[in-house]
Amino acid sequence: MLTIRLSRVGKKKQPSYRLIVSEKTKDPWGDYLENLGLFNPRTNPATVEFKVDRIKYWLAKGAQTSDTVWNLFVDQKIVEGKKKLKVKLSVKRKEKIAKKKQAA
């Protein structure tokens, strides 16, 4: 399965990211099929340089995205939809939160 995700590059404490397409099981710092752009969160506002036509091509081929990449695509209006939550709650935690809401 192909995945579109961020691969960290840059010096220590100065991250910038490549947007890459690779096999899901492969190391994100190793080989990749294609570089789709750059993301630098340290600038104000964050620098985003994506190859939109290639992103749409890989999505049409069935490539999946990580949650962070999906949220970036929604911000850039490359795809339509809602942002994905990054926090995953366990069933026990959800039940505990629901009980607190009922008690309050």
C-alpha atoms as a PDB file:
ATOM      1  CA  MET A   1       0.000   0.000   0.000  1.00  0.00           C
ATOM      2  CA  LEU A   2       1.289   3.453  -0.912  1.00  0.00           C
ATOM      3  CA  THR A   3       1.232   6.298   1.560  1.00  0.00           C
ATOM      4  CA  ILE A   4       1.804  10.038   1.326  1.00  0.00           C
ATOM      5  CA  ARG A   5       3.593  11.290   4.427  1.00  0.00           C
ATOM      6  CA  LEU A   6       6.107  13.760   5.777  1.00  0.00           C
ATOM      7  CA  SER A   7       9.802  12.938   6.042  1.00  0.00           C
ATOM      8  CA  ARG A   8      11.836  15.139   8.395  1.00  0.00           C
ATOM      9  CA  VAL A   9      14.943  16.822   7.047  1.00  0.00           C
ATOM     10  CA  GLY A  10      17.021  19.685   8.396  1.00  0.00           C
ATOM     11  CA  LYS A  11      19.416  20.282  11.234  1.00  0.00           C
ATOM     12  CA  LYS A  12      18.874  19.585  14.905  1.00  0.00           C
ATOM     13  CA  LYS A  13      16.026  21.730  16.288  1.00  0.00           C
ATOM     14  CA  GLN A  14      15.406  23.189  12.803  1.00  0.00           C
ATOM     15  CA  PRO A  15      12.928  20.821  11.191  1.00  0.00           C
ATOM     16  CA  SER A  16      11.602  21.061   7.690  1.00  0.00           C
ATOM     17  CA  TYR A  17       9.741  18.286   5.927  1.00  0.00           C
ATOM     18  CA  ARG A  18       9.533  16.650   2.517  1.00  0.00           C
ATOM     19  CA  LEU A  19       6.190  15.373   1.314  1.00  0.00           C
ATOM     20  CA  ILE A  20       6.932  11.919  -0.099  1.00  0.00           C
ATOM     21  CA  VAL A  21       5.168   8.918  -1.604  1.00  0.00           C
ATOM     22  CA  SER A  22       6.469   5.541  -0.442  1.00  0.00           C
ATOM     23  CA  GLU A  23       5.430   2.063   0.591  1.00  0.00           C
ATOM     24  CA  LYS A  24       3.718   2.130   3.969  1.00  0.00           C
ATOM     25  CA  THR A  25       6.111  -0.438   5.444  1.00  0.00           C
ATOM     26  CA  LYS A  26       9.272   1.390   4.310  1.00  0.00           C
ATOM     27  CA  ASP A  27      11.331   3.712   6.467  1.00  0.00           C
ATOM     28  CA  PRO A  28      10.287   7.354   5.807  1.00  0.00           C
ATOM     29  CA  TRP A  29      13.965   8.431   5.739  1.00  0.00           C
ATOM     30  CA  GLY A  30      14.967   5.840   3.175  1.00  0.00           C
ATOM     31  CA  ASP A  31      14.011   5.452  -0.460  1.00  0.00           C
ATOM     32  CA  TYR A  32      10.785   6.948  -1.727  1.00  0.00           C
ATOM     33  CA  LEU A  33       8.953   6.900  -5.040  1.00  0.00           C
ATOM     34  CA  GLU A  34       8.485  10.642  -5.493  1.00  0.00           C
ATOM     35  CA  ASN A  35       9.050  13.942  -3.703  1.00  0.00           C
ATOM     36  CA  LEU A  36       5.779  15.922  -3.821  1.00  0.00           C
ATOM     37  CA  GLY A  37       6.895  19.127  -2.146  1.00  0.00           C
ATOM     38  CA  LEU A  38       8.151  20.893   0.959  1.00  0.00           C
ATOM     39  CA  PHE A  39       6.675  21.972   4.277  1.00  0.00           C
ATOM     40  CA  ASN A  40       8.514  24.331   6.650  1.00  0.00           C
ATOM     41  CA  PRO A  41       6.571  25.026   9.874  1.00  0.00           C
ATOM     42  CA  ARG A  42       9.286  27.346  11.269  1.00  0.00           C
ATOM     43  CA  THR A  43       8.514  30.292   8.992  1.00  0.00           C
ATOM     44  CA  ASN A  44       5.682  32.701   9.758  1.00  0.00           C
ATOM     45  CA  PRO A  45       3.331  31.765   8.092  1.00  0.00           C
ATOM     46  CA  ALA A  46       4.417  28.178   7.444  1.00  0.00           C
ATOM     47  CA  THR A  47       5.920  27.618   3.984  1.00  0.00           C
ATOM     48  CA  VAL A  48       3.963  25.085   1.936  1.00  0.00           C
ATOM     49  CA  GLU A  49       5.118  24.166  -1.576  1.00  0.00           C
ATOM     50  CA  PHE A  50       3.198  21.171  -2.940  1.00  0.00           C
ATOM     51  CA  LYS A  51       2.959  19.768  -6.475  1.00  0.00           C
ATOM     52  CA  VAL A  52      -0.845  19.705  -6.588  1.00  0.00           C
ATOM     53  CA  ASP A  53      -1.170  17.844  -9.902  1.00  0.00           C
ATOM     54  CA  ARG A  54       1.111  15.021  -8.704  1.00  0.00           C
ATOM     55  CA  ILE A  55      -0.675  14.816  -5.353  1.00  0.00           C
ATOM     56  CA  LYS A  56      -4.014  14.371  -7.135  1.00  0.00           C
ATOM     57  CA  TYR A  57      -2.418  11.754  -9.403  1.00  0.00           C
ATOM     58  CA  TRP A  58      -1.195   9.644  -6.458  1.00  0.00           C
ATOM     59  CA  LEU A  59      -4.503   9.999  -4.595  1.00  0.00           C
ATOM     60  CA  ALA A  60      -6.288   8.774  -7.747  1.00  0.00           C
ATOM     61  CA  LYS A  61      -3.936   5.754  -7.802  1.00  0.00           C
ATOM     62  CA  GLY A  62      -5.098   4.836  -4.280  1.00  0.00           C
ATOM     63  CA  ALA A  63      -2.351   6.273  -2.098  1.00  0.00           C
ATOM     64  CA  GLN A  64      -3.402   6.916   1.515  1.00  0.00           C
ATOM     65  CA  THR A  65      -2.342   9.938   3.558  1.00  0.00           C
ATOM     66  CA  SER A  66      -1.209  10.316   7.140  1.00  0.00           C
ATOM     67  CA  ASP A  67      -3.529  12.356   9.389  1.00  0.00           C
ATOM     68  CA  THR A  68      -1.176  15.350   9.428  1.00  0.00           C
ATOM     69  CA  VAL A  69      -0.800  15.346   5.645  1.00  0.00           C
ATOM     70  CA  TRP A  70      -4.577  15.054   5.198  1.00  0.00           C
ATOM     71  CA  ASN A  71      -5.062  18.107   7.451  1.00  0.00           C
ATOM     72  CA  LEU A  72      -2.476  20.045   5.404  1.00  0.00           C
ATOM     73  CA  PHE A  73      -4.304  19.107   2.184  1.00  0.00           C
ATOM     74  CA  VAL A  74      -7.620  20.295   3.653  1.00  0.00           C
ATOM     75  CA  ASP A  75      -5.986  23.605   4.676  1.00  0.00           C
ATOM     76  CA  GLN A  76      -4.543  24.062   1.182  1.00  0.00           C
ATOM     77  CA  LYS A  77      -7.911  23.077  -0.395  1.00  0.00           C
ATOM     78  CA  ILE A  78      -6.282  20.245  -2.358  1.00  0.00           C
ATOM     79  CA  VAL A  79      -8.935  17.810  -1.070  1.00  0.00           C
ATOM     80  CA  GLU A  80     -12.382  18.386   0.343  1.00  0.00           C
ATOM     81  CA  GLY A  81     -13.504  16.973   3.653  1.00  0.00           C
ATOM     82  CA  LYS A  82     -13.117  17.359   7.364  1.00  0.00           C
ATOM     83  CA  LYS A  83      -9.847  17.394   9.230  1.00  0.00           C
ATOM     84  CA  LYS A  84      -8.890  14.160  10.950  1.00  0.00           C
ATOM     85  CA  LEU A  85      -8.391  13.992  14.684  1.00  0.00           C
ATOM     86  CA  LYS A  86      -4.847  13.036  15.628  1.00  0.00           C
ATOM     87  CA  VAL A  87      -5.772  11.827  19.108  1.00  0.00           C
ATOM     88  CA  LYS A  88      -7.144   8.306  19.348  1.00  0.00           C
ATOM     89  CA  LEU A  89      -9.141   7.512  22.474  1.00  0.00           C
ATOM     90  CA  SER A  90      -9.522   3.997  23.805  1.00  0.00           C
ATOM     91  CA  VAL A  91     -12.976   2.574  24.484  1.00  0.00           C
ATOM     92  CA  LYS A  92     -12.394   2.769  28.255  1.00  0.00           C
ATOM     93  CA  ARG A  93     -11.425   6.433  28.031  1.00  0.00           C
ATOM     94  CA  LYS A  94     -14.471   7.269  25.878  1.00  0.00           C
ATOM     95  CA  GLU A  95     -16.766   5.578  28.418  1.00  0.00           C
ATOM     96  CA  LYS A  96     -15.149   7.458  31.286  1.00  0.00           C
ATOM     97  CA  ILE A  97     -15.634  10.793  29.489  1.00  0.00           C
ATOM     98  CA  ALA A  98     -19.269   9.944  28.706  1.00  0.00           C
ATOM     99  CA  LYS A  99     -19.936   9.122  32.388  1.00  0.00           C
ATOM    100  CA  LYS A 100     -18.447  12.464  33.467  1.00  0.00           C
ATOM    101  CA  LYS A 101     -20.674  14.321  30.996  1.00  0.00           C
ATOM    102  CA  GLN A 102     -23.780  12.515  32.278  1.00  0.00           C
ATOM    103  CA  ALA A 103     -22.886  13.241  35.904  1.00  0.00           C
ATOM    104  CA  ALA A 104     -22.332  16.959  35.239  1.00  0.00           C
END
